[in-house]
Amino acid sequence: MMFLNVQTESSWQQRLFWISHLFLITTVVLWINPVTFPVLQHWDFAIFKTLNDSLEARPFWQQFWGTLNHPLESKLTLIIAGIFNLWALHATKDPNRRKIRLKQTIYFWICFEIGWQLQNSIFHQLLHVVRDSPSLVLQPVIKLSTVLDNPLIKDSSSTSFPSAHAFSLTYWASFTALSSPKKVAIPGILFASFFCLPRLFGGAHWFSDVFFGTLLAFVWLSWVLNMPWYRWVTKPTPQSPRI
């Protein structure tokens, strides 16, 4: 495969490529297998009912998760993600390393937009994948948009598969971990993991939507890391000669 970086030091990127694709193929096989599909579907039902039922007669948590399912949450998440990346650059004291991390961050964000458009085009425009979210399938459910009398709250979808939300957060958290000091990377991963939960509580996604979106993020990341351009991005900047 010509796009792969064949340098020795990139062996972990190549392992990520093959492992992520293997997990993706295995997941698809298990999902379409008539023996394993009912088991996976049962887990989907059970996880949603456990999370959604926990909101019954709990106004605080209804308001909490309802707020995190508001359209403004996506914009807020994007702003916080950018702040994390700026924090990573500020926390990098070595000038040469900071230049590399700046190039990494720009490269990863460009690839993020490409990846997001690709997964949306493939699943919804090319394959026309349609899947109703749990709040449209199961009854009774606690619909946060109804309980809180706010139709802007996202608690349902007819195109829930795969979760673009989980794809975005997982990809961002992964590349942030690769281009940040630990004191930035760890809170970033926790932040992204937490913000995958609101759609599960509200019923806009099944757990399998989120799981598959997460797998797709790692698959796309493996492509991004093995592209020839990534070698240029991570190439150390020559130090200027002293005068």
C-alpha atoms as a PDB file:
ATOM      1  CA  MET A   1       0.000   0.000   0.000  1.00  0.00           C
ATOM      2  CA  MET A   2       1.792   3.079  -1.267  1.00  0.00           C
ATOM      3  CA  PHE A   3       0.316   5.540   1.186  1.00  0.00           C
ATOM      4  CA  LEU A   4       1.793   3.718   4.165  1.00  0.00           C
ATOM      5  CA  ASN A   5       4.803   5.210   5.873  1.00  0.00           C
ATOM      6  CA  VAL A   6       7.331   2.389   5.653  1.00  0.00           C
ATOM      7  CA  GLN A   7       9.889   3.881   7.997  1.00  0.00           C
ATOM      8  CA  THR A   8      10.814   1.710  11.003  1.00  0.00           C
ATOM      9  CA  GLU A   9       9.788   4.324  13.542  1.00  0.00           C
ATOM     10  CA  SER A  10       6.265   4.321  12.113  1.00  0.00           C
ATOM     11  CA  SER A  11       5.624   0.652  12.958  1.00  0.00           C
ATOM     12  CA  TRP A  12       3.073   1.565  15.641  1.00  0.00           C
ATOM     13  CA  GLN A  13       1.116   3.615  13.077  1.00  0.00           C
ATOM     14  CA  GLN A  14       1.029   0.583  10.804  1.00  0.00           C
ATOM     15  CA  ARG A  15      -0.122  -1.624  13.678  1.00  0.00           C
ATOM     16  CA  LEU A  16      -2.900   0.865  14.422  1.00  0.00           C
ATOM     17  CA  PHE A  17      -3.925   0.703  10.767  1.00  0.00           C
ATOM     18  CA  TRP A  18      -4.269  -3.067  10.667  1.00  0.00           C
ATOM     19  CA  ILE A  19      -5.720  -3.490  14.167  1.00  0.00           C
ATOM     20  CA  SER A  20      -8.373  -0.788  13.682  1.00  0.00           C
ATOM     21  CA  HIS A  21      -9.455  -2.283  10.363  1.00  0.00           C
ATOM     22  CA  LEU A  22      -9.537  -5.780  11.881  1.00  0.00           C
ATOM     23  CA  PHE A  23     -11.773  -4.550  14.711  1.00  0.00           C
ATOM     24  CA  LEU A  24     -14.028  -2.781  12.217  1.00  0.00           C
ATOM     25  CA  ILE A  25     -14.419  -5.868  10.020  1.00  0.00           C
ATOM     26  CA  THR A  26     -15.015  -8.088  13.067  1.00  0.00           C
ATOM     27  CA  THR A  27     -17.714  -5.721  14.336  1.00  0.00           C
ATOM     28  CA  VAL A  28     -19.474  -5.707  10.970  1.00  0.00           C
ATOM     29  CA  VAL A  29     -19.368  -9.518  10.787  1.00  0.00           C
ATOM     30  CA  LEU A  30     -20.803  -9.842  14.296  1.00  0.00           C
ATOM     31  CA  TRP A  31     -23.527  -7.308  13.479  1.00  0.00           C
ATOM     32  CA  ILE A  32     -24.733  -9.022  10.312  1.00  0.00           C
ATOM     33  CA  ASN A  33     -24.403 -12.539  11.746  1.00  0.00           C
ATOM     34  CA  PRO A  34     -27.902 -13.861  12.592  1.00  0.00           C
ATOM     35  CA  VAL A  35     -26.529 -15.626  15.681  1.00  0.00           C
ATOM     36  CA  THR A  36     -24.742 -12.665  17.285  1.00  0.00           C
ATOM     37  CA  PHE A  37     -27.019  -9.847  16.101  1.00  0.00           C
ATOM     38  CA  PRO A  38     -29.823 -10.529  18.656  1.00  0.00           C
ATOM     39  CA  VAL A  39     -27.249 -10.449  21.474  1.00  0.00           C
ATOM     40  CA  LEU A  40     -25.831  -7.114  20.324  1.00  0.00           C
ATOM     41  CA  GLN A  41     -29.322  -5.717  19.843  1.00  0.00           C
ATOM     42  CA  HIS A  42     -30.259  -6.812  23.361  1.00  0.00           C
ATOM     43  CA  TRP A  43     -27.247  -4.890  24.716  1.00  0.00           C
ATOM     44  CA  ASP A  44     -28.360  -1.842  22.743  1.00  0.00           C
ATOM     45  CA  PHE A  45     -31.851  -2.010  24.276  1.00  0.00           C
ATOM     46  CA  ALA A  46     -30.549  -2.682  27.792  1.00  0.00           C
ATOM     47  CA  ILE A  47     -27.984   0.133  27.783  1.00  0.00           C
ATOM     48  CA  PHE A  48     -30.494   2.700  26.558  1.00  0.00           C
ATOM     49  CA  LYS A  49     -33.215   1.662  28.989  1.00  0.00           C
ATOM     50  CA  THR A  50     -30.764   1.698  31.912  1.00  0.00           C
ATOM     51  CA  LEU A  51     -29.541   5.210  31.103  1.00  0.00           C
ATOM     52  CA  ASN A  52     -32.871   6.698  30.065  1.00  0.00           C
ATOM     53  CA  ASP A  53     -34.867   5.164  32.940  1.00  0.00           C
ATOM     54  CA  SER A  54     -32.378   6.677  35.398  1.00  0.00           C
ATOM     55  CA  LEU A  55     -33.812  10.109  34.494  1.00  0.00           C
ATOM     56  CA  GLU A  56     -37.322   9.301  35.722  1.00  0.00           C
ATOM     57  CA  ALA A  57     -38.510  11.728  38.417  1.00  0.00           C
ATOM     58  CA  ARG A  58     -35.091  13.399  38.503  1.00  0.00           C
ATOM     59  CA  PRO A  59     -35.557  16.975  37.270  1.00  0.00           C
ATOM     60  CA  PHE A  60     -31.945  17.988  37.859  1.00  0.00           C
ATOM     61  CA  TRP A  61     -30.537  15.218  35.667  1.00  0.00           C
ATOM     62  CA  GLN A  62     -33.228  15.732  33.052  1.00  0.00           C
ATOM     63  CA  GLN A  63     -32.192  19.384  32.821  1.00  0.00           C
ATOM     64  CA  PHE A  64     -28.500  18.455  32.912  1.00  0.00           C
ATOM     65  CA  TRP A  65     -28.597  15.942  30.059  1.00  0.00           C
ATOM     66  CA  GLY A  66     -31.171  17.990  28.176  1.00  0.00           C
ATOM     67  CA  THR A  67     -28.820  20.980  28.187  1.00  0.00           C
ATOM     68  CA  LEU A  68     -25.997  18.812  26.864  1.00  0.00           C
ATOM     69  CA  ASN A  69     -28.228  17.665  23.990  1.00  0.00           C
ATOM     70  CA  HIS A  70     -28.990  21.227  22.885  1.00  0.00           C
ATOM     71  CA  PRO A  71     -27.544  22.283  19.481  1.00  0.00           C
ATOM     72  CA  LEU A  72     -25.396  24.879  21.236  1.00  0.00           C
ATOM     73  CA  GLU A  73     -23.521  22.003  22.895  1.00  0.00           C
ATOM     74  CA  SER A  74     -21.812  21.156  19.594  1.00  0.00           C
ATOM     75  CA  LYS A  75     -20.540  24.724  19.223  1.00  0.00           C
ATOM     76  CA  LEU A  76     -19.407  24.799  22.850  1.00  0.00           C
ATOM     77  CA  THR A  77     -17.623  21.469  22.441  1.00  0.00           C
ATOM     78  CA  LEU A  78     -15.802  22.807  19.379  1.00  0.00           C
ATOM     79  CA  ILE A  79     -14.657  25.901  21.297  1.00  0.00           C
ATOM     80  CA  ILE A  80     -13.444  23.819  24.258  1.00  0.00           C
ATOM     81  CA  ALA A  81     -11.608  21.473  21.887  1.00  0.00           C
ATOM     82  CA  GLY A  82      -9.798  24.437  20.360  1.00  0.00           C
ATOM     83  CA  ILE A  83      -8.867  25.715  23.823  1.00  0.00           C
ATOM     84  CA  PHE A  84      -7.383  22.318  24.675  1.00  0.00           C
ATOM     85  CA  ASN A  85      -5.198  22.453  21.550  1.00  0.00           C
ATOM     86  CA  LEU A  86      -4.064  25.997  22.326  1.00  0.00           C
ATOM     87  CA  TRP A  87      -3.292  24.882  25.883  1.00  0.00           C
ATOM     88  CA  ALA A  88      -1.156  22.049  24.490  1.00  0.00           C
ATOM     89  CA  LEU A  89       0.888  24.498  22.422  1.00  0.00           C
ATOM     90  CA  HIS A  90       1.296  26.878  25.351  1.00  0.00           C
ATOM     91  CA  ALA A  91       2.359  24.007  27.637  1.00  0.00           C
ATOM     92  CA  THR A  92       5.102  22.951  25.186  1.00  0.00           C
ATOM     93  CA  LYS A  93       8.178  24.896  26.202  1.00  0.00           C
ATOM     94  CA  ASP A  94      10.661  23.606  23.657  1.00  0.00           C
ATOM     95  CA  PRO A  95      10.371  25.864  20.531  1.00  0.00           C
ATOM     96  CA  ASN A  96      11.126  23.098  18.022  1.00  0.00           C
ATOM     97  CA  ARG A  97       8.678  20.685  19.616  1.00  0.00           C
ATOM     98  CA  ARG A  98       6.068  23.460  19.708  1.00  0.00           C
ATOM     99  CA  LYS A  99       6.480  24.009  15.942  1.00  0.00           C
ATOM    100  CA  ILE A 100       6.010  20.299  15.312  1.00  0.00           C
ATOM    101  CA  ARG A 101       2.899  20.197  17.504  1.00  0.00           C
ATOM    102  CA  LEU A 102       1.518  23.264  15.757  1.00  0.00           C
ATOM    103  CA  LYS A 103       1.939  21.553  12.380  1.00  0.00           C
ATOM    104  CA  GLN A 104       0.405  18.373  13.799  1.00  0.00           C
ATOM    105  CA  THR A 105      -2.609  20.253  15.137  1.00  0.00           C
ATOM    106  CA  ILE A 106      -3.250  22.059  11.832  1.00  0.00           C
ATOM    107  CA  TYR A 107      -2.807  18.827   9.876  1.00  0.00           C
ATOM    108  CA  PHE A 108      -5.122  16.861  12.175  1.00  0.00           C
ATOM    109  CA  TRP A 109      -7.843  19.526  12.053  1.00  0.00           C
ATOM    110  CA  ILE A 110      -7.742  19.617   8.229  1.00  0.00           C
ATOM    111  CA  CYS A 111      -8.014  15.822   8.143  1.00  0.00           C
ATOM    112  CA  PHE A 112     -10.818  15.992  10.702  1.00  0.00           C
ATOM    113  CA  GLU A 113     -12.948  18.037   8.318  1.00  0.00           C
ATOM    114  CA  ILE A 114     -12.135  15.679   5.435  1.00  0.00           C
ATOM    115  CA  GLY A 115     -12.970  12.610   7.541  1.00  0.00           C
ATOM    116  CA  TRP A 116     -16.236  14.063   8.798  1.00  0.00           C
ATOM    117  CA  GLN A 117     -17.362  14.867   5.271  1.00  0.00           C
ATOM    118  CA  LEU A 118     -16.313  11.420   4.040  1.00  0.00           C
ATOM    119  CA  GLN A 119     -18.216   9.451   6.672  1.00  0.00           C
ATOM    120  CA  ASN A 120     -21.304  11.607   6.151  1.00  0.00           C
ATOM    121  CA  SER A 121     -21.133  11.209   2.364  1.00  0.00           C
ATOM    122  CA  ILE A 122     -20.513   7.458   2.454  1.00  0.00           C
ATOM    123  CA  PHE A 123     -23.174   6.472   4.984  1.00  0.00           C
ATOM    124  CA  HIS A 124     -25.937   8.973   4.297  1.00  0.00           C
ATOM    125  CA  GLN A 125     -25.526  10.135   0.703  1.00  0.00           C
ATOM    126  CA  LEU A 126     -23.975   7.098  -0.987  1.00  0.00           C
ATOM    127  CA  LEU A 127     -25.284   4.148   1.066  1.00  0.00           C
ATOM    128  CA  HIS A 128     -28.420   5.957   2.333  1.00  0.00           C
ATOM    129  CA  VAL A 129     -28.136   4.271   5.729  1.00  0.00           C
ATOM    130  CA  VAL A 130     -31.320   4.811   7.730  1.00  0.00           C
ATOM    131  CA  ARG A 131     -31.664   3.781  11.357  1.00  0.00           C
ATOM    132  CA  ASP A 132     -34.136   5.087  13.913  1.00  0.00           C
ATOM    133  CA  SER A 133     -32.695   6.049  17.270  1.00  0.00           C
ATOM    134  CA  PRO A 134     -33.924   4.310  20.468  1.00  0.00           C
ATOM    135  CA  SER A 135     -36.316   7.119  21.392  1.00  0.00           C
ATOM    136  CA  LEU A 136     -38.197   6.410  18.135  1.00  0.00           C
ATOM    137  CA  VAL A 137     -38.195   2.625  18.557  1.00  0.00           C
ATOM    138  CA  LEU A 138     -38.745   1.844  22.229  1.00  0.00           C
ATOM    139  CA  GLN A 139     -41.678   2.781  24.434  1.00  0.00           C
ATOM    140  CA  PRO A 140     -42.093   4.157  26.983  1.00  0.00           C
ATOM    141  CA  VAL A 141     -39.144   6.569  26.977  1.00  0.00           C
ATOM    142  CA  ILE A 142     -38.335   9.831  28.706  1.00  0.00           C
ATOM    143  CA  LYS A 143     -38.084  12.312  25.833  1.00  0.00           C
ATOM    144  CA  LEU A 144     -36.136  15.266  27.133  1.00  0.00           C
ATOM    145  CA  SER A 145     -37.482  17.595  24.460  1.00  0.00           C
ATOM    146  CA  THR A 146     -41.011  16.864  25.725  1.00  0.00           C
ATOM    147  CA  VAL A 147     -40.236  16.839  29.447  1.00  0.00           C
ATOM    148  CA  LEU A 148     -38.342  20.132  29.235  1.00  0.00           C
ATOM    149  CA  ASP A 149     -40.698  21.586  26.617  1.00  0.00           C
ATOM    150  CA  ASN A 150     -37.796  22.416  24.304  1.00  0.00           C
ATOM    151  CA  PRO A 151     -38.052  21.103  20.718  1.00  0.00           C
ATOM    152  CA  LEU A 152     -34.438  22.106  20.035  1.00  0.00           C
ATOM    153  CA  ILE A 153     -33.125  19.323  22.271  1.00  0.00           C
ATOM    154  CA  LYS A 154     -31.791  16.469  20.159  1.00  0.00           C
ATOM    155  CA  ASP A 155     -33.234  13.235  21.518  1.00  0.00           C
ATOM    156  CA  SER A 156     -34.149  11.429  18.307  1.00  0.00           C
ATOM    157  CA  SER A 157     -32.809  10.751  14.832  1.00  0.00           C
ATOM    158  CA  SER A 158     -33.781   8.700  11.805  1.00  0.00           C
ATOM    159  CA  THR A 159     -30.132   8.557  10.689  1.00  0.00           C
ATOM    160  CA  SER A 160     -28.500   7.642  13.984  1.00  0.00           C
ATOM    161  CA  PHE A 161     -25.937   5.254  12.469  1.00  0.00           C
ATOM    162  CA  PRO A 162     -23.057   5.831  12.774  1.00  0.00           C
ATOM    163  CA  SER A 163     -22.656   8.474  15.456  1.00  0.00           C
ATOM    164  CA  ALA A 164     -20.906  11.452  13.860  1.00  0.00           C
ATOM    165  CA  HIS A 165     -20.721  12.929  17.358  1.00  0.00           C
ATOM    166  CA  ALA A 166     -18.675   9.966  18.647  1.00  0.00           C
ATOM    167  CA  PHE A 167     -16.570   9.962  15.472  1.00  0.00           C
ATOM    168  CA  SER A 168     -15.683  13.631  15.948  1.00  0.00           C
ATOM    169  CA  LEU A 169     -14.937  13.413  19.668  1.00  0.00           C
ATOM    170  CA  THR A 170     -12.886  10.213  19.415  1.00  0.00           C
ATOM    171  CA  TYR A 171     -10.820  11.454  16.485  1.00  0.00           C
ATOM    172  CA  TRP A 172     -10.192  14.793  18.207  1.00  0.00           C
ATOM    173  CA  ALA A 173      -9.247  13.154  21.525  1.00  0.00           C
ATOM    174  CA  SER A 174      -6.873  10.767  19.751  1.00  0.00           C
ATOM    175  CA  PHE A 175      -5.001  13.384  17.787  1.00  0.00           C
ATOM    176  CA  THR A 176      -4.927  15.697  20.805  1.00  0.00           C
ATOM    177  CA  ALA A 177      -3.341  12.915  22.854  1.00  0.00           C
ATOM    178  CA  LEU A 178      -0.704  12.475  20.137  1.00  0.00           C
ATOM    179  CA  SER A 179       0.153  16.175  19.917  1.00  0.00           C
ATOM    180  CA  SER A 180      -0.066  17.261  23.558  1.00  0.00           C
ATOM    181  CA  PRO A 181       1.723  16.878  26.889  1.00  0.00           C
ATOM    182  CA  LYS A 182       0.130  14.365  29.277  1.00  0.00           C
ATOM    183  CA  LYS A 183      -1.349  17.104  31.459  1.00  0.00           C
ATOM    184  CA  VAL A 184      -3.406  18.191  28.440  1.00  0.00           C
ATOM    185  CA  ALA A 185      -3.969  14.798  26.800  1.00  0.00           C
ATOM    186  CA  ILE A 186      -5.550  13.049  29.795  1.00  0.00           C
ATOM    187  CA  PRO A 187      -8.171  15.758  30.555  1.00  0.00           C
ATOM    188  CA  GLY A 188      -8.858  15.933  26.803  1.00  0.00           C
ATOM    189  CA  ILE A 189      -9.625  12.219  26.619  1.00  0.00           C
ATOM    190  CA  LEU A 190     -11.896  12.447  29.672  1.00  0.00           C
ATOM    191  CA  PHE A 191     -13.673  15.459  28.172  1.00  0.00           C
ATOM    192  CA  ALA A 192     -14.340  13.660  24.879  1.00  0.00           C
ATOM    193  CA  SER A 193     -15.478  10.472  26.620  1.00  0.00           C
ATOM    194  CA  PHE A 194     -17.936  12.384  28.775  1.00  0.00           C
ATOM    195  CA  PHE A 195     -19.491  14.260  25.859  1.00  0.00           C
ATOM    196  CA  CYS A 196     -20.283  10.970  24.103  1.00  0.00           C
ATOM    197  CA  LEU A 197     -22.810  10.247  26.876  1.00  0.00           C
ATOM    198  CA  PRO A 198     -25.568  12.870  26.326  1.00  0.00           C
ATOM    199  CA  ARG A 199     -26.841  11.259  23.103  1.00  0.00           C
ATOM    200  CA  LEU A 200     -27.069   7.903  24.898  1.00  0.00           C
ATOM    201  CA  PHE A 201     -29.098   9.294  27.798  1.00  0.00           C
ATOM    202  CA  GLY A 202     -31.384  11.302  25.526  1.00  0.00           C
ATOM    203  CA  GLY A 203     -31.985   8.559  22.977  1.00  0.00           C
ATOM    204  CA  ALA A 204     -30.501  10.155  19.856  1.00  0.00           C
ATOM    205  CA  HIS A 205     -28.095   7.225  19.454  1.00  0.00           C
ATOM    206  CA  TRP A 206     -27.831   3.561  20.265  1.00  0.00           C
ATOM    207  CA  PHE A 207     -24.682   2.376  22.007  1.00  0.00           C
ATOM    208  CA  SER A 208     -23.737   0.535  18.798  1.00  0.00           C
ATOM    209  CA  ASP A 209     -23.960   3.848  16.883  1.00  0.00           C
ATOM    210  CA  VAL A 210     -21.437   5.349  19.274  1.00  0.00           C
ATOM    211  CA  PHE A 211     -19.233   2.249  19.268  1.00  0.00           C
ATOM    212  CA  PHE A 212     -19.131   2.104  15.472  1.00  0.00           C
ATOM    213  CA  GLY A 213     -18.497   5.857  15.228  1.00  0.00           C
ATOM    214  CA  THR A 214     -15.573   5.405  17.619  1.00  0.00           C
ATOM    215  CA  LEU A 215     -14.152   2.564  15.508  1.00  0.00           C
ATOM    216  CA  LEU A 216     -14.464   4.673  12.362  1.00  0.00           C
ATOM    217  CA  ALA A 217     -12.530   7.450  14.100  1.00  0.00           C
ATOM    218  CA  PHE A 218      -9.618   5.104  14.825  1.00  0.00           C
ATOM    219  CA  VAL A 219      -9.713   3.778  11.254  1.00  0.00           C
ATOM    220  CA  TRP A 220      -9.587   7.302   9.852  1.00  0.00           C
ATOM    221  CA  LEU A 221      -6.851   8.279  12.314  1.00  0.00           C
ATOM    222  CA  SER A 222      -4.793   5.294  11.130  1.00  0.00           C
ATOM    223  CA  TRP A 223      -5.048   6.563   7.554  1.00  0.00           C
ATOM    224  CA  VAL A 224      -4.138  10.089   8.618  1.00  0.00           C
ATOM    225  CA  LEU A 225      -1.044   8.885  10.512  1.00  0.00           C
ATOM    226  CA  ASN A 226       0.162   6.725   7.622  1.00  0.00           C
ATOM    227  CA  MET A 227      -0.167   9.349   4.927  1.00  0.00           C
ATOM    228  CA  PRO A 228       3.194  10.521   3.510  1.00  0.00           C
ATOM    229  CA  TRP A 229       2.383  14.087   4.531  1.00  0.00           C
ATOM    230  CA  TYR A 230       2.493  13.120   8.196  1.00  0.00           C
ATOM    231  CA  ARG A 231       6.242  12.481   7.876  1.00  0.00           C
ATOM    232  CA  TRP A 232       6.693  16.107   6.831  1.00  0.00           C
ATOM    233  CA  VAL A 233       4.470  17.312   9.658  1.00  0.00           C
ATOM    234  CA  THR A 234       6.521  15.490  12.291  1.00  0.00           C
ATOM    235  CA  LYS A 235       9.906  16.230  10.756  1.00  0.00           C
ATOM    236  CA  PRO A 236      12.009  18.252  13.227  1.00  0.00           C
ATOM    237  CA  THR A 237      12.626  21.848  12.241  1.00  0.00           C
ATOM    238  CA  PRO A 238      16.353  22.496  11.613  1.00  0.00           C
ATOM    239  CA  GLN A 239      17.783  24.876  14.157  1.00  0.00           C
ATOM    240  CA  SER A 240      19.004  28.209  12.828  1.00  0.00           C
ATOM    241  CA  PRO A 241      22.793  28.525  12.821  1.00  0.00           C
ATOM    242  CA  ARG A 242      24.238  30.757  15.472  1.00  0.00           C
ATOM    243  CA  ILE A 243      25.735  34.040  14.320  1.00  0.00           C
END
